[in-house]
């Protein structure tokens, strides 16, 4: 008898998750660019310095399959 593969349901990302991912990416990019830890941390914590293509100003919780549910 074959074992059943365990699967888990993907938990949707929250706004805090999006912020943490973006902050980490900005910090790591600044460090790779040669900035010291303090300067890289300052850029990572200042959200106004992020380009709009990193963190969209729209709704990060939007799921494309949600709009089909309003077809009453």
PDB file of N, CA and C in Angstrom:
ATOM      1  N   UNK A   1       0.843  -1.185   0.000  1.00  0.00           N
ATOM      2  CA  UNK A   1       0.000   0.000   0.000  1.00  0.00           C
ATOM      3  C   UNK A   1       0.884   1.243   0.000  1.00  0.00           C
ATOM      4  N   UNK A   2       0.576   2.160  -0.892  1.00  0.00           N
ATOM      5  CA  UNK A   2       1.362   3.385  -1.022  1.00  0.00           C
ATOM      6  C   UNK A   2       0.990   4.377   0.077  1.00  0.00           C
ATOM      7  N   UNK A   3       1.986   5.064   0.567  1.00  0.00           N
ATOM      8  CA  UNK A   3       1.725   6.088   1.572  1.00  0.00           C
ATOM      9  C   UNK A   3       1.088   7.303   0.906  1.00  0.00           C
ATOM     10  N   UNK A   4       0.184   7.914   1.615  1.00  0.00           N
ATOM     11  CA  UNK A   4      -0.413   9.148   1.117  1.00  0.00           C
ATOM     12  C   UNK A   4       0.547  10.299   1.378  1.00  0.00           C
ATOM     13  N   UNK A   5       0.672  11.153   0.406  1.00  0.00           N
ATOM     14  CA  UNK A   5       1.534  12.314   0.552  1.00  0.00           C
ATOM     15  C   UNK A   5       0.816  13.373   1.380  1.00  0.00           C
ATOM     16  N   UNK A   6       1.516  13.895   2.360  1.00  0.00           N
ATOM     17  CA  UNK A   6       0.953  14.969   3.178  1.00  0.00           C
ATOM     18  C   UNK A   6       0.978  16.267   2.409  1.00  0.00           C
ATOM     19  N   UNK A   7      -0.118  16.957   2.441  1.00  0.00           N
ATOM     20  CA  UNK A   7      -0.177  18.269   1.810  1.00  0.00           C
ATOM     21  C   UNK A   7      -0.671  19.274   2.835  1.00  0.00           C
ATOM     22  N   UNK A   8      -0.265  20.489   2.665  1.00  0.00           N
ATOM     23  CA  UNK A   8      -0.732  21.557   3.534  1.00  0.00           C
ATOM     24  C   UNK A   8      -1.366  22.629   2.688  1.00  0.00           C
ATOM     25  N   UNK A   9      -2.299  23.318   3.268  1.00  0.00           N
ATOM     26  CA  UNK A   9      -2.966  24.401   2.575  1.00  0.00           C
ATOM     27  C   UNK A   9      -2.077  25.644   2.658  1.00  0.00           C
ATOM     28  N   UNK A  10      -1.882  26.315   1.537  1.00  0.00           N
ATOM     29  CA  UNK A  10      -1.069  27.532   1.538  1.00  0.00           C
ATOM     30  C   UNK A  10      -1.812  28.640   2.274  1.00  0.00           C
ATOM     31  N   UNK A  11      -1.140  29.207   3.242  1.00  0.00           N
ATOM     32  CA  UNK A  11      -1.702  30.319   3.994  1.00  0.00           C
ATOM     33  C   UNK A  11      -1.431  31.596   3.196  1.00  0.00           C
ATOM     34  N   UNK A  12      -2.452  32.422   2.953  1.00  0.00           N
ATOM     35  CA  UNK A  12      -2.205  33.646   2.189  1.00  0.00           C
ATOM     36  C   UNK A  12      -1.291  34.603   2.954  1.00  0.00           C
ATOM     37  N   UNK A  13      -0.481  35.325   2.213  1.00  0.00           N
ATOM     38  CA  UNK A  13       0.434  36.279   2.832  1.00  0.00           C
ATOM     39  C   UNK A  13      -0.330  37.486   3.348  1.00  0.00           C
ATOM     40  N   UNK A  14       0.095  37.987   4.492  1.00  0.00           N
ATOM     41  CA  UNK A  14      -0.528  39.174   5.074  1.00  0.00           C
ATOM     42  C   UNK A  14       0.266  40.415   4.679  1.00  0.00           C
ATOM     43  N   UNK A  15      -0.243  41.559   5.045  1.00  0.00           N
ATOM     44  CA  UNK A  15       0.477  42.808   4.763  1.00  0.00           C
ATOM     45  C   UNK A  15       1.814  42.839   5.494  1.00  0.00           C
ATOM     46  N   UNK A  16       1.849  42.285   6.698  1.00  0.00           N
ATOM     47  CA  UNK A  16       3.096  42.216   7.448  1.00  0.00           C
ATOM     48  C   UNK A  16       4.114  41.334   6.729  1.00  0.00           C
ATOM     49  N   UNK A  17       3.648  40.234   6.139  1.00  0.00           N
ATOM     50  CA  UNK A  17       4.540  39.363   5.364  1.00  0.00           C
ATOM     51  C   UNK A  17       5.125  40.122   4.172  1.00  0.00           C
ATOM     52  N   UNK A  18       4.273  40.860   3.453  1.00  0.00           N
ATOM     53  CA  UNK A  18       4.753  41.628   2.305  1.00  0.00           C
ATOM     54  C   UNK A  18       5.782  42.667   2.739  1.00  0.00           C
ATOM     55  N   UNK A  19       5.521  43.332   3.859  1.00  0.00           N
ATOM     56  CA  UNK A  19       6.467  44.344   4.355  1.00  0.00           C
ATOM     57  C   UNK A  19       7.797  43.696   4.715  1.00  0.00           C
ATOM     58  N   UNK A  20       7.751  42.570   5.428  1.00  0.00           N
ATOM     59  CA  UNK A  20       8.985  41.913   5.862  1.00  0.00           C
ATOM     60  C   UNK A  20       9.802  41.417   4.673  1.00  0.00           C
ATOM     61  N   UNK A  21       9.135  40.866   3.678  1.00  0.00           N
ATOM     62  CA  UNK A  21       9.834  40.393   2.484  1.00  0.00           C
ATOM     63  C   UNK A  21      10.484  41.558   1.757  1.00  0.00           C
ATOM     64  N   UNK A  22       9.746  42.650   1.590  1.00  0.00           N
ATOM     65  CA  UNK A  22      10.282  43.821   0.891  1.00  0.00           C
ATOM     66  C   UNK A  22      11.447  44.433   1.664  1.00  0.00           C
ATOM     67  N   UNK A  23      11.311  44.546   2.984  1.00  0.00           N
ATOM     68  CA  UNK A  23      12.397  45.123   3.798  1.00  0.00           C
ATOM     69  C   UNK A  23      13.655  44.272   3.698  1.00  0.00           C
ATOM     70  N   UNK A  24      13.486  42.951   3.732  1.00  0.00           N
ATOM     71  CA  UNK A  24      14.637  42.061   3.623  1.00  0.00           C
ATOM     72  C   UNK A  24      15.297  42.190   2.252  1.00  0.00           C
ATOM     73  N   UNK A  25      14.510  42.256   1.201  1.00  0.00           N
ATOM     74  CA  UNK A  25      15.072  42.381  -0.146  1.00  0.00           C
ATOM     75  C   UNK A  25      15.830  43.701  -0.314  1.00  0.00           C
ATOM     76  N   UNK A  26      15.272  44.786   0.210  1.00  0.00           N
ATOM     77  CA  UNK A  26      15.952  46.087   0.115  1.00  0.00           C
ATOM     78  C   UNK A  26      17.251  46.055   0.900  1.00  0.00           C
ATOM     79  N   UNK A  27      17.213  45.510   2.112  1.00  0.00           N
ATOM     80  CA  UNK A  27      18.414  45.425   2.944  1.00  0.00           C
ATOM     81  C   UNK A  27      19.504  44.606   2.247  1.00  0.00           C
ATOM     82  N   UNK A  28      19.144  43.437   1.735  1.00  0.00           N
ATOM     83  CA  UNK A  28      20.138  42.572   1.093  1.00  0.00           C
ATOM     84  C   UNK A  28      20.695  43.213  -0.182  1.00  0.00           C
ATOM     85  N   UNK A  29      19.853  43.912  -0.938  1.00  0.00           N
ATOM     86  CA  UNK A  29      20.331  44.593  -2.146  1.00  0.00           C
ATOM     87  C   UNK A  29      21.303  45.713  -1.786  1.00  0.00           C
ATOM     88  N   UNK A  30      21.001  46.449  -0.730  1.00  0.00           N
ATOM     89  CA  UNK A  30      21.901  47.525  -0.297  1.00  0.00           C
ATOM     90  C   UNK A  30      23.236  46.960   0.180  1.00  0.00           C
ATOM     91  N   UNK A  31      23.201  45.861   0.896  1.00  0.00           N
ATOM     92  CA  UNK A  31      24.447  45.240   1.360  1.00  0.00           C
ATOM     93  C   UNK A  31      25.276  44.735   0.179  1.00  0.00           C
ATOM     94  N   UNK A  32      24.614  44.132  -0.818  1.00  0.00           N
ATOM     95  CA  UNK A  32      25.336  43.663  -2.012  1.00  0.00           C
ATOM     96  C   UNK A  32      25.930  44.831  -2.785  1.00  0.00           C
ATOM     97  N   UNK A  33      25.284  45.995  -2.694  1.00  0.00           N
ATOM     98  CA  UNK A  33      25.783  47.180  -3.384  1.00  0.00           C
ATOM     99  C   UNK A  33      26.948  47.828  -2.641  1.00  0.00           C
ATOM    100  N   UNK A  34      27.291  47.311  -1.462  1.00  0.00           N
ATOM    101  CA  UNK A  34      28.456  47.795  -0.749  1.00  0.00           C
ATOM    102  C   UNK A  34      28.165  48.764   0.382  1.00  0.00           C
ATOM    103  N   UNK A  35      26.901  48.953   0.728  1.00  0.00           N
ATOM    104  CA  UNK A  35      26.565  49.859   1.828  1.00  0.00           C
ATOM    105  C   UNK A  35      26.871  49.188   3.155  1.00  0.00           C
ATOM    106  N   UNK A  36      27.189  50.017   4.167  1.00  0.00           N
ATOM    107  CA  UNK A  36      27.408  49.456   5.496  1.00  0.00           C
ATOM    108  C   UNK A  36      26.062  49.073   6.117  1.00  0.00           C
ATOM    109  N   UNK A  37      26.085  48.362   7.236  1.00  0.00           N
ATOM    110  CA  UNK A  37      24.865  47.844   7.840  1.00  0.00           C
ATOM    111  C   UNK A  37      23.886  48.942   8.234  1.00  0.00           C
ATOM    112  N   UNK A  38      24.380  50.018   8.787  1.00  0.00           N
ATOM    113  CA  UNK A  38      23.511  51.111   9.229  1.00  0.00           C
ATOM    114  C   UNK A  38      22.779  51.779   8.088  1.00  0.00           C
ATOM    115  N   UNK A  39      23.492  52.064   7.007  1.00  0.00           N
ATOM    116  CA  UNK A  39      22.877  52.699   5.845  1.00  0.00           C
ATOM    117  C   UNK A  39      21.867  51.763   5.194  1.00  0.00           C
ATOM    118  N   UNK A  40      22.229  50.487   5.048  1.00  0.00           N
ATOM    119  CA  UNK A  40      21.317  49.507   4.449  1.00  0.00           C
ATOM    120  C   UNK A  40      20.062  49.367   5.304  1.00  0.00           C
ATOM    121  N   UNK A  41      20.204  49.351   6.623  1.00  0.00           N
ATOM    122  CA  UNK A  41      19.059  49.241   7.513  1.00  0.00           C
ATOM    123  C   UNK A  41      18.167  50.482   7.419  1.00  0.00           C
ATOM    124  N   UNK A  42      18.791  51.659   7.280  1.00  0.00           N
ATOM    125  CA  UNK A  42      18.006  52.887   7.136  1.00  0.00           C
ATOM    126  C   UNK A  42      17.157  52.841   5.869  1.00  0.00           C
ATOM    127  N   UNK A  43      17.731  52.381   4.753  1.00  0.00           N
ATOM    128  CA  UNK A  43      16.957  52.253   3.516  1.00  0.00           C
ATOM    129  C   UNK A  43      15.851  51.212   3.672  1.00  0.00           C
ATOM    130  N   UNK A  44      16.137  50.113   4.341  1.00  0.00           N
ATOM    131  CA  UNK A  44      15.145  49.045   4.492  1.00  0.00           C
ATOM    132  C   UNK A  44      13.967  49.480   5.351  1.00  0.00           C
ATOM    133  N   UNK A  45      14.219  50.305   6.359  1.00  0.00           N
ATOM    134  CA  UNK A  45      13.148  50.724   7.258  1.00  0.00           C
ATOM    135  C   UNK A  45      12.354  51.913   6.736  1.00  0.00           C
ATOM    136  N   UNK A  46      12.881  52.649   5.759  1.00  0.00           N
ATOM    137  CA  UNK A  46      12.199  53.809   5.209  1.00  0.00           C
ATOM    138  C   UNK A  46      11.405  53.382   3.975  1.00  0.00           C
ATOM    139  N   UNK A  47      10.140  53.088   4.158  1.00  0.00           N
ATOM    140  CA  UNK A  47       9.314  52.571   3.071  1.00  0.00           C
ATOM    141  C   UNK A  47       9.161  53.582   1.935  1.00  0.00           C
ATOM    142  N   UNK A  48       9.283  54.858   2.217  1.00  0.00           N
ATOM    143  CA  UNK A  48       9.131  55.859   1.153  1.00  0.00           C
ATOM    144  C   UNK A  48      10.277  55.795   0.144  1.00  0.00           C
ATOM    145  N   UNK A  49      11.379  55.121   0.506  1.00  0.00           N
ATOM    146  CA  UNK A  49      12.494  55.000  -0.427  1.00  0.00           C
ATOM    147  C   UNK A  49      12.339  53.802  -1.365  1.00  0.00           C
ATOM    148  N   UNK A  50      11.319  52.945  -1.133  1.00  0.00           N
ATOM    149  CA  UNK A  50      11.105  51.774  -1.990  1.00  0.00           C
ATOM    150  C   UNK A  50      10.524  52.206  -3.326  1.00  0.00           C
ATOM    151  N   UNK A  51      10.993  51.623  -4.418  1.00  0.00           N
ATOM    152  CA  UNK A  51      10.327  51.862  -5.698  1.00  0.00           C
ATOM    153  C   UNK A  51       8.931  51.237  -5.674  1.00  0.00           C
ATOM    154  N   UNK A  52       8.000  51.784  -6.465  1.00  0.00           N
ATOM    155  CA  UNK A  52       6.630  51.286  -6.441  1.00  0.00           C
ATOM    156  C   UNK A  52       6.497  49.866  -6.982  1.00  0.00           C
ATOM    157  N   UNK A  53       7.479  49.376  -7.715  1.00  0.00           N
ATOM    158  CA  UNK A  53       7.378  48.017  -8.239  1.00  0.00           C
ATOM    159  C   UNK A  53       7.795  46.974  -7.211  1.00  0.00           C
ATOM    160  N   UNK A  54       8.357  47.388  -6.067  1.00  0.00           N
ATOM    161  CA  UNK A  54       8.670  46.425  -4.999  1.00  0.00           C
ATOM    162  C   UNK A  54       7.430  46.182  -4.150  1.00  0.00           C
ATOM    163  N   UNK A  55       6.841  47.242  -3.647  1.00  0.00           N
ATOM    164  CA  UNK A  55       5.623  47.131  -2.852  1.00  0.00           C
ATOM    165  C   UNK A  55       4.570  47.979  -3.529  1.00  0.00           C
ATOM    166  N   UNK A  56       3.578  47.289  -4.083  1.00  0.00           N
ATOM    167  CA  UNK A  56       2.497  47.974  -4.778  1.00  0.00           C
ATOM    168  C   UNK A  56       1.628  48.720  -3.770  1.00  0.00           C
ATOM    169  N   UNK A  57       1.173  49.903  -4.130  1.00  0.00           N
ATOM    170  CA  UNK A  57       0.320  50.676  -3.242  1.00  0.00           C
ATOM    171  C   UNK A  57      -1.106  50.149  -3.216  1.00  0.00           C
ATOM    172  N   UNK A  58      -1.409  49.220  -4.095  1.00  0.00           N
ATOM    173  CA  UNK A  58      -2.744  48.624  -4.137  1.00  0.00           C
ATOM    174  C   UNK A  58      -2.955  47.656  -2.991  1.00  0.00           C
ATOM    175  N   UNK A  59      -3.951  46.817  -3.138  1.00  0.00           N
ATOM    176  CA  UNK A  59      -4.307  45.867  -2.099  1.00  0.00           C
ATOM    177  C   UNK A  59      -3.449  44.611  -2.229  1.00  0.00           C
ATOM    178  N   UNK A  60      -2.536  44.339  -1.287  1.00  0.00           N
ATOM    179  CA  UNK A  60      -1.699  43.138  -1.392  1.00  0.00           C
ATOM    180  C   UNK A  60      -2.474  41.864  -1.105  1.00  0.00           C
ATOM    181  N   UNK A  61      -3.684  41.982  -0.541  1.00  0.00           N
ATOM    182  CA  UNK A  61      -4.483  40.815  -0.219  1.00  0.00           C
ATOM    183  C   UNK A  61      -5.376  40.398  -1.389  1.00  0.00           C
ATOM    184  N   UNK A  62      -5.329  41.107  -2.511  1.00  0.00           N
ATOM    185  CA  UNK A  62      -6.172  40.803  -3.666  1.00  0.00           C
ATOM    186  C   UNK A  62      -5.810  39.443  -4.237  1.00  0.00           C
ATOM    187  N   UNK A  63      -6.835  38.644  -4.464  1.00  0.00           N
ATOM    188  CA  UNK A  63      -6.648  37.354  -5.111  1.00  0.00           C
ATOM    189  C   UNK A  63      -7.522  37.345  -6.358  1.00  0.00           C
ATOM    190  N   UNK A  64      -6.994  37.014  -7.518  1.00  0.00           N
ATOM    191  CA  UNK A  64      -7.783  37.097  -8.745  1.00  0.00           C
ATOM    192  C   UNK A  64      -9.034  36.235  -8.715  1.00  0.00           C
ATOM    193  N   UNK A  65      -9.039  35.150  -7.968  1.00  0.00           N
ATOM    194  CA  UNK A  65     -10.213  34.280  -7.960  1.00  0.00           C
ATOM    195  C   UNK A  65     -11.331  34.830  -7.090  1.00  0.00           C
ATOM    196  N   UNK A  66     -11.074  35.900  -6.309  1.00  0.00           N
ATOM    197  CA  UNK A  66     -12.113  36.486  -5.466  1.00  0.00           C
ATOM    198  C   UNK A  66     -13.164  37.239  -6.275  1.00  0.00           C
ATOM    199  N   UNK A  67     -12.812  37.803  -7.387  1.00  0.00           N
ATOM    200  CA  UNK A  67     -13.777  38.619  -8.135  1.00  0.00           C
ATOM    201  C   UNK A  67     -14.855  37.787  -8.801  1.00  0.00           C
ATOM    202  N   UNK A  68     -14.651  36.483  -8.985  1.00  0.00           N
ATOM    203  CA  UNK A  68     -15.659  35.629  -9.598  1.00  0.00           C
ATOM    204  C   UNK A  68     -16.802  35.300  -8.636  1.00  0.00           C
ATOM    205  N   UNK A  69     -16.621  35.497  -7.353  1.00  0.00           N
ATOM    206  CA  UNK A  69     -17.628  35.146  -6.369  1.00  0.00           C
ATOM    207  C   UNK A  69     -18.783  36.141  -6.326  1.00  0.00           C
ATOM    208  N   UNK A  70     -18.664  37.286  -6.952  1.00  0.00           N
ATOM    209  CA  UNK A  70     -19.701  38.309  -6.916  1.00  0.00           C
ATOM    210  C   UNK A  70     -20.697  38.173  -8.068  1.00  0.00           C
ATOM    211  N   UNK A  71     -20.809  37.022  -8.676  1.00  0.00           N
ATOM    212  CA  UNK A  71     -21.685  36.830  -9.832  1.00  0.00           C
ATOM    213  C   UNK A  71     -23.093  36.416  -9.441  1.00  0.00           C
ATOM    214  N   UNK A  72     -23.639  36.970  -8.363  1.00  0.00           N
ATOM    215  CA  UNK A  72     -24.987  36.586  -7.906  1.00  0.00           C
ATOM    216  C   UNK A  72     -26.049  37.048  -8.870  1.00  0.00           C
TER     217      UNK A  72
END
